[in-house]
Amino acid sequence: MGLSPLRRALPATVAVLALAASASPAGSRDEARIGLEDAHRFAAAFVAGDGLPTARALDAGYLRPATPALAAFVPEYIVDAATLAQAVADAPGPYRHAVDACLPMMARMGGFVQVVQLRYQELLPDAAPAAVVALFSTGNVAGTVVDGRIVLGLEKVCDGVSSEDGLRARLRGLVAHEWVHTRQPPPSDADRRDLLAWALREGTANTLAALVLGEATRASDNAWAMQREGELWTQFQRDRATMRAHWPDGGEPDAEAIEAGTRWLWNSAAPDGRPADLGYWVGQRITQAWLSRQPDKAEAVRRMLAMASVDAFLAESGYAP
């Protein structure tokens, strides 16, 4: 998704859940490849610059020959070659690891994309596949959707990954999550100002990703949050009200709205043990509660993706910790 006004107002990075999953079946056909053209051009500039490519080199070798996916991605996530060069200079390690270790494995990772998308098509037969493109950004996104394409930021995706199985598991989770965003309608202005709408948007992606990957959907493995669920829900509702009151229709969020929203989204883990992006967890708890009440899972998936009213959805879920 594109940057919301709240995200543009902050120097925060986006933390996207990477749901672990087992490797794709051996011998699966590699028909749905990950687009690597941009990533290879970045790698060439990175290697030629001995790990510290200049802004001029990145502009000439990476940004100006951009594919349509990278060209659409740049304005909101990279900005320009100078910003990217500075990001690499500030933290070259993740880029070097991605170039040296992950990129060579990526060419063998296409099969899982087909598997994930086929599983969605079992629920939604008319669902079109989404293109998946890997590139390099400024350390601010692991996965997002731009112009209907799933875009993966390799310096974030590859962070901490040392094996092909580990990389495949992370990629499957990201693609399964981001695929949902390709099917959701763009958020309205009212939704952009609503913390519950954001949480349900991300919670739907987490819940459906877990469903198609055959994983538990309840998000109950977050021990820190589960022990405080009632307290967190009370705080979430209070912050939702604050965010709506301090983000005017058609305007920009003030400091109170930003503080309320970033308590749940677009943040990092806190020193007191509070995990990052708990809005995803809240949304997943609500969407799982709603889904568990639906007898027709295929119809339920369609309704989750459309979600005409977040308040009606919350009421139907029966979520009340």
Protein backbone atom coordinates (compact mmCIF):
# COMPACT_ATOMS: atom_id res chain seq x y z
CA MET A 1 0.00 0.00 0.00
CA GLY A 2 1.06 3.57 -0.51
CA LEU A 3 2.15 5.66 2.42
CA SER A 4 -0.68 7.04 4.51
CA PRO A 5 -0.62 10.67 5.66
CA LEU A 6 0.21 9.37 9.14
CA ARG A 7 3.22 7.45 7.86
CA ARG A 8 4.38 10.41 5.77
CA ALA A 9 4.29 12.50 8.91
CA LEU A 10 6.76 10.22 10.66
CA PRO A 11 10.41 9.21 10.26
CA ALA A 12 9.32 5.66 11.09
CA THR A 13 9.91 2.55 9.06
CA VAL A 14 7.35 -0.03 8.12
CA ALA A 15 7.52 -3.37 9.92
CA VAL A 16 5.73 -6.06 7.97
CA LEU A 17 5.03 -9.43 9.55
CA ALA A 18 6.86 -12.31 7.90
CA LEU A 19 4.85 -15.41 8.72
CA ALA A 20 7.08 -18.50 8.84
CA ALA A 21 6.10 -21.37 6.60
CA SER A 22 7.54 -24.66 5.45
CA ALA A 23 9.36 -24.94 2.15
CA SER A 24 7.36 -25.41 -1.02
CA PRO A 25 6.99 -28.96 -2.33
CA ALA A 26 10.04 -30.40 -4.01
CA GLY A 27 9.83 -30.21 -7.77
CA SER A 28 7.10 -27.56 -7.89
CA ARG A 29 7.08 -25.79 -11.25
CA ASP A 30 8.79 -22.43 -11.32
CA GLU A 31 6.10 -20.73 -13.38
CA ALA A 32 5.59 -17.68 -11.16
CA ARG A 33 9.02 -16.15 -11.02
CA ILE A 34 10.09 -13.24 -8.84
CA GLY A 35 11.15 -10.25 -10.92
CA LEU A 36 14.84 -9.67 -10.16
CA GLU A 37 15.89 -7.23 -12.88
CA ASP A 38 16.04 -4.22 -10.57
CA ALA A 39 17.74 -6.18 -7.79
CA HIS A 40 20.51 -7.36 -10.11
CA ARG A 41 21.16 -3.82 -11.32
CA PHE A 42 21.44 -2.59 -7.74
CA ALA A 43 23.82 -5.46 -6.95
CA ALA A 44 26.03 -4.53 -9.90
CA ALA A 45 26.27 -0.92 -8.67
CA PHE A 46 26.89 -2.09 -5.11
CA VAL A 47 29.71 -4.44 -6.11
CA ALA A 48 31.27 -1.90 -8.48
CA GLY A 49 31.32 0.62 -5.64
CA ASP A 50 32.90 -1.89 -3.24
CA GLY A 51 29.82 -1.76 -1.01
CA LEU A 52 29.52 2.04 -1.04
CA PRO A 53 27.94 3.05 -4.35
CA THR A 54 27.69 6.76 -5.04
CA ALA A 55 24.41 8.52 -5.67
CA ARG A 56 25.52 9.07 -9.28
CA ALA A 57 26.21 5.35 -9.76
CA LEU A 58 22.90 4.35 -8.23
CA ASP A 59 21.01 6.84 -10.33
CA ALA A 60 22.66 5.76 -13.58
CA GLY A 61 22.74 2.02 -12.93
CA TYR A 62 19.67 1.42 -10.79
CA LEU A 63 17.05 4.16 -10.73
CA ARG A 64 17.07 5.58 -14.24
CA PRO A 65 16.75 2.16 -15.99
CA ALA A 66 13.98 1.23 -13.52
CA THR A 67 11.29 -1.26 -14.36
CA PRO A 68 7.71 0.03 -13.97
CA ALA A 69 7.60 -1.56 -10.50
CA LEU A 70 10.68 0.29 -9.27
CA ALA A 71 9.63 3.54 -10.95
CA ALA A 72 6.30 3.45 -9.07
CA PHE A 73 8.03 2.47 -5.83
CA VAL A 74 10.68 5.20 -5.78
CA PRO A 75 8.68 8.35 -4.88
CA GLU A 76 7.29 7.04 -1.60
CA TYR A 77 10.02 4.65 -0.43
CA ILE A 78 13.39 5.62 -1.93
CA VAL A 79 12.86 9.31 -2.87
CA ASP A 80 16.09 9.69 -4.85
CA ALA A 81 19.57 8.30 -5.45
CA ALA A 82 21.18 10.47 -2.77
CA THR A 83 18.78 9.16 -0.12
CA LEU A 84 19.48 5.57 -1.16
CA ALA A 85 23.26 6.10 -1.22
CA GLN A 86 23.09 7.52 2.30
CA ALA A 87 21.02 4.58 3.54
CA VAL A 88 23.57 2.14 2.17
CA ALA A 89 26.47 4.11 3.67
CA ASP A 90 24.75 4.24 7.06
CA ALA A 91 24.16 0.48 7.22
CA PRO A 92 26.00 -1.42 4.47
CA GLY A 93 25.82 -4.80 6.24
CA PRO A 94 22.24 -5.75 5.34
CA TYR A 95 22.82 -4.76 1.71
CA ARG A 96 26.01 -6.80 1.47
CA HIS A 97 24.31 -9.82 3.03
CA ALA A 98 21.38 -9.53 0.63
CA VAL A 99 23.64 -9.13 -2.41
CA ASP A 100 26.11 -11.85 -1.47
CA ALA A 101 23.88 -14.44 0.20
CA CYS A 102 20.22 -13.91 -0.69
CA LEU A 103 20.13 -12.67 -4.25
CA PRO A 104 21.82 -15.80 -5.67
CA MET A 105 19.12 -17.91 -3.99
CA MET A 106 16.23 -15.77 -5.21
CA ALA A 107 16.32 -17.18 -8.74
CA ARG A 108 15.27 -20.54 -7.28
CA MET A 109 12.38 -19.11 -5.26
CA GLY A 110 9.65 -18.73 -7.85
CA GLY A 111 7.81 -21.99 -7.29
CA PHE A 112 6.40 -21.02 -3.92
CA VAL A 113 4.75 -17.95 -5.48
CA GLN A 114 2.68 -20.21 -7.69
CA VAL A 115 1.77 -22.43 -4.72
CA VAL A 116 0.60 -19.48 -2.60
CA GLN A 117 -1.44 -17.95 -5.40
CA LEU A 118 -3.06 -21.28 -6.30
CA ARG A 119 -4.17 -21.67 -2.70
CA TYR A 120 -5.86 -18.28 -2.82
CA GLN A 121 -7.52 -19.26 -6.08
CA GLU A 122 -9.03 -22.29 -4.37
CA LEU A 123 -10.93 -19.82 -2.19
CA LEU A 124 -11.39 -17.19 -4.89
CA PRO A 125 -11.43 -18.87 -8.32
CA ASP A 126 -11.56 -15.52 -10.13
CA ALA A 127 -8.52 -14.13 -8.30
CA ALA A 128 -5.81 -13.05 -10.70
CA PRO A 129 -2.16 -13.76 -9.81
CA ALA A 130 -0.10 -10.80 -8.62
CA ALA A 131 3.34 -10.04 -9.98
CA VAL A 132 6.14 -10.28 -7.39
CA VAL A 133 9.18 -8.02 -7.75
CA ALA A 134 12.31 -7.88 -5.58
CA LEU A 135 14.43 -4.75 -5.34
CA PHE A 136 16.49 -2.72 -2.89
CA SER A 137 15.14 0.19 -0.87
CA THR A 138 16.33 2.38 2.01
CA GLY A 139 15.79 -0.16 4.78
CA ASN A 140 12.19 0.92 5.32
CA VAL A 141 10.07 -1.91 3.94
CA ALA A 142 10.17 -5.70 3.66
CA GLY A 143 6.99 -6.08 1.66
CA THR A 144 4.36 -3.77 0.21
CA VAL A 145 2.01 -3.41 -2.75
CA VAL A 146 2.58 -0.79 -5.45
CA ASP A 147 0.31 -0.52 -8.49
CA GLY A 148 -1.03 -4.01 -7.87
CA ARG A 149 2.42 -5.59 -7.67
CA ILE A 150 3.92 -7.21 -4.60
CA VAL A 151 7.27 -5.50 -3.98
CA LEU A 152 9.92 -6.98 -1.69
CA GLY A 153 12.78 -4.91 -0.19
CA LEU A 154 15.65 -7.38 -0.08
CA GLU A 155 17.82 -5.60 2.48
CA LYS A 156 14.93 -6.09 4.95
CA VAL A 157 13.67 -9.46 3.73
CA CYS A 158 17.12 -11.05 3.96
CA ASP A 159 18.01 -9.62 7.38
CA GLY A 160 18.89 -12.54 9.66
CA VAL A 161 18.28 -15.18 6.99
CA SER A 162 21.14 -17.59 6.40
CA SER A 163 19.62 -20.57 4.58
CA GLU A 164 17.57 -21.19 1.47
CA ASP A 165 14.81 -22.81 3.51
CA GLY A 166 14.71 -19.81 5.85
CA LEU A 167 14.52 -17.38 2.95
CA ARG A 168 11.78 -19.36 1.24
CA ALA A 169 9.75 -19.50 4.45
CA ARG A 170 10.00 -15.74 4.96
CA LEU A 171 9.16 -14.99 1.35
CA ARG A 172 6.13 -17.29 1.36
CA GLY A 173 4.76 -15.51 4.39
CA LEU A 174 5.34 -12.07 2.92
CA VAL A 175 3.80 -12.94 -0.43
CA ALA A 176 0.78 -14.54 1.26
CA HIS A 177 0.27 -11.40 3.37
CA GLU A 178 0.83 -8.86 0.63
CA TRP A 179 -1.34 -10.75 -1.88
CA VAL A 180 -4.33 -9.88 0.30
CA HIS A 181 -3.54 -6.18 -0.04
CA THR A 182 -3.65 -6.52 -3.83
CA ARG A 183 -7.31 -7.58 -3.50
CA GLN A 184 -8.47 -5.03 -0.93
CA PRO A 185 -10.06 -1.79 -2.15
CA PRO A 186 -8.03 1.37 -1.51
CA PRO A 187 -8.78 2.85 1.92
CA SER A 188 -11.19 5.76 1.95
CA ASP A 189 -10.20 9.02 3.63
CA ALA A 190 -12.29 7.99 6.64
CA ASP A 191 -10.46 4.65 6.80
CA ARG A 192 -7.06 6.34 6.64
CA ARG A 193 -8.00 8.27 9.77
CA ASP A 194 -9.35 5.19 11.59
CA LEU A 195 -7.00 3.02 13.65
CA LEU A 196 -9.50 0.14 13.59
CA ALA A 197 -9.64 0.24 9.78
CA TRP A 198 -5.85 -0.01 9.57
CA ALA A 199 -5.74 -2.84 12.12
CA LEU A 200 -8.45 -4.81 10.31
CA ARG A 201 -6.77 -4.26 6.96
CA GLU A 202 -3.52 -5.76 8.26
CA GLY A 203 -5.28 -8.33 10.43
CA THR A 204 -7.17 -9.62 7.39
CA ALA A 205 -3.87 -10.05 5.55
CA ASN A 206 -2.36 -11.95 8.49
CA THR A 207 -5.41 -14.15 9.01
CA LEU A 208 -5.83 -15.09 5.36
CA ALA A 209 -2.08 -15.66 4.92
CA ALA A 210 -2.14 -18.07 7.85
CA LEU A 211 -5.22 -19.77 6.41
CA VAL A 212 -3.71 -20.46 2.98
CA LEU A 213 -0.38 -21.51 4.48
CA GLY A 214 -2.08 -23.96 6.81
CA GLU A 215 -0.97 -22.20 9.99
CA ALA A 216 -2.81 -21.30 13.16
CA THR A 217 -4.78 -18.09 12.61
CA ARG A 218 -5.46 -17.04 16.21
CA ALA A 219 -2.27 -14.98 16.79
CA SER A 220 -2.20 -16.51 20.27
CA ASP A 221 1.54 -17.19 20.08
CA ASN A 222 2.23 -13.59 21.13
CA ALA A 223 2.58 -14.35 24.83
CA TRP A 224 3.25 -10.72 25.82
CA ALA A 225 0.05 -9.49 24.19
CA MET A 226 -2.13 -12.45 25.19
CA GLN A 227 -1.38 -11.81 28.87
CA ARG A 228 -2.61 -8.22 28.46
CA GLU A 229 -5.35 -8.63 25.85
CA GLY A 230 -8.13 -6.91 27.80
CA GLU A 231 -5.90 -4.00 28.80
CA LEU A 232 -4.57 -3.63 25.25
CA TRP A 233 -8.07 -3.61 23.78
CA THR A 234 -9.12 -0.84 26.15
CA GLN A 235 -6.07 1.20 25.19
CA PHE A 236 -6.63 0.50 21.49
CA GLN A 237 -10.20 1.81 21.64
CA ARG A 238 -9.04 4.92 23.48
CA ASP A 239 -6.30 5.56 20.90
CA ARG A 240 -8.76 4.99 18.08
CA ALA A 241 -10.99 7.74 19.46
CA THR A 242 -8.00 10.07 19.90
CA MET A 243 -6.75 9.47 16.38
CA ARG A 244 -10.15 10.19 14.86
CA ALA A 245 -10.62 13.32 16.97
CA HIS A 246 -7.20 14.73 16.08
CA TRP A 247 -7.08 13.90 12.39
CA PRO A 248 -9.54 16.19 10.58
CA ASP A 249 -11.46 15.11 7.50
CA GLY A 250 -9.28 15.87 4.49
CA GLY A 251 -6.46 17.20 6.70
CA GLU A 252 -3.29 15.97 8.35
CA PRO A 253 -2.85 14.27 11.76
CA ASP A 254 -1.67 16.37 14.68
CA ALA A 255 0.85 15.24 17.31
CA GLU A 256 -1.78 13.51 19.44
CA ALA A 257 -3.11 11.53 16.47
CA ILE A 258 0.41 10.49 15.52
CA GLU A 259 1.20 9.38 19.06
CA ALA A 260 -2.02 7.36 19.25
CA GLY A 261 -1.55 5.71 15.86
CA THR A 262 2.12 4.88 16.21
CA ARG A 263 1.47 3.12 19.49
CA TRP A 264 0.03 0.36 17.28
CA LEU A 265 1.50 0.71 13.79
CA TRP A 266 4.69 1.87 12.04
CA ASN A 267 6.82 1.46 15.16
CA SER A 268 9.56 -0.69 16.68
CA ALA A 269 9.60 -2.94 19.71
CA ALA A 270 9.72 -0.96 22.98
CA PRO A 271 12.24 -1.42 25.82
CA ASP A 272 9.44 -2.58 28.13
CA GLY A 273 8.90 -5.66 25.96
CA ARG A 274 5.98 -4.33 23.94
CA PRO A 275 6.27 -5.88 20.45
CA ALA A 276 6.29 -3.75 17.33
CA ASP A 277 3.13 -3.17 15.32
CA LEU A 278 0.60 -4.56 17.75
CA GLY A 279 -2.15 -3.19 15.52
CA TYR A 280 -1.54 -6.19 13.25
CA TRP A 281 -2.11 -8.48 16.23
CA VAL A 282 -5.29 -6.70 17.31
CA GLY A 283 -6.62 -6.90 13.77
CA GLN A 284 -5.77 -10.57 13.51
CA ARG A 285 -7.52 -11.37 16.80
CA ILE A 286 -10.69 -9.66 15.55
CA THR A 287 -10.63 -11.13 12.04
CA GLN A 288 -9.99 -14.63 13.37
CA ALA A 289 -12.89 -14.30 15.80
CA TRP A 290 -15.12 -13.19 12.93
CA LEU A 291 -13.91 -15.92 10.57
CA SER A 292 -14.50 -18.65 13.15
CA ARG A 293 -18.22 -17.76 13.08
CA GLN A 294 -18.58 -18.11 9.30
CA PRO A 295 -19.79 -21.44 7.85
CA ASP A 296 -18.84 -20.63 4.24
CA LYS A 297 -15.13 -19.84 4.21
CA ALA A 298 -15.00 -18.81 0.54
CA GLU A 299 -17.82 -16.31 1.00
CA ALA A 300 -16.23 -15.18 4.26
CA VAL A 301 -12.97 -14.41 2.47
CA ARG A 302 -14.82 -12.24 -0.06
CA ARG A 303 -16.55 -10.34 2.72
CA MET A 304 -13.30 -9.84 4.63
CA LEU A 305 -11.61 -8.40 1.57
CA ALA A 306 -14.48 -6.01 0.86
CA MET A 307 -15.23 -5.08 4.50
CA ALA A 308 -17.82 -2.40 3.87
CA SER A 309 -18.03 -1.29 7.53
CA VAL A 310 -15.32 -1.86 10.12
CA ASP A 311 -17.74 -1.18 12.98
CA ALA A 312 -20.24 -3.73 11.68
CA PHE A 313 -17.42 -6.22 11.19
CA LEU A 314 -16.22 -5.70 14.76
CA ALA A 315 -19.75 -6.19 16.11
CA GLU A 316 -20.23 -9.37 14.07
CA SER A 317 -16.91 -10.76 15.30
CA GLY A 318 -18.06 -10.82 18.91
CA TYR A 319 -14.55 -9.83 19.93
CA ALA A 320 -14.66 -8.64 23.55
CA PRO A 321 -11.61 -9.69 25.58
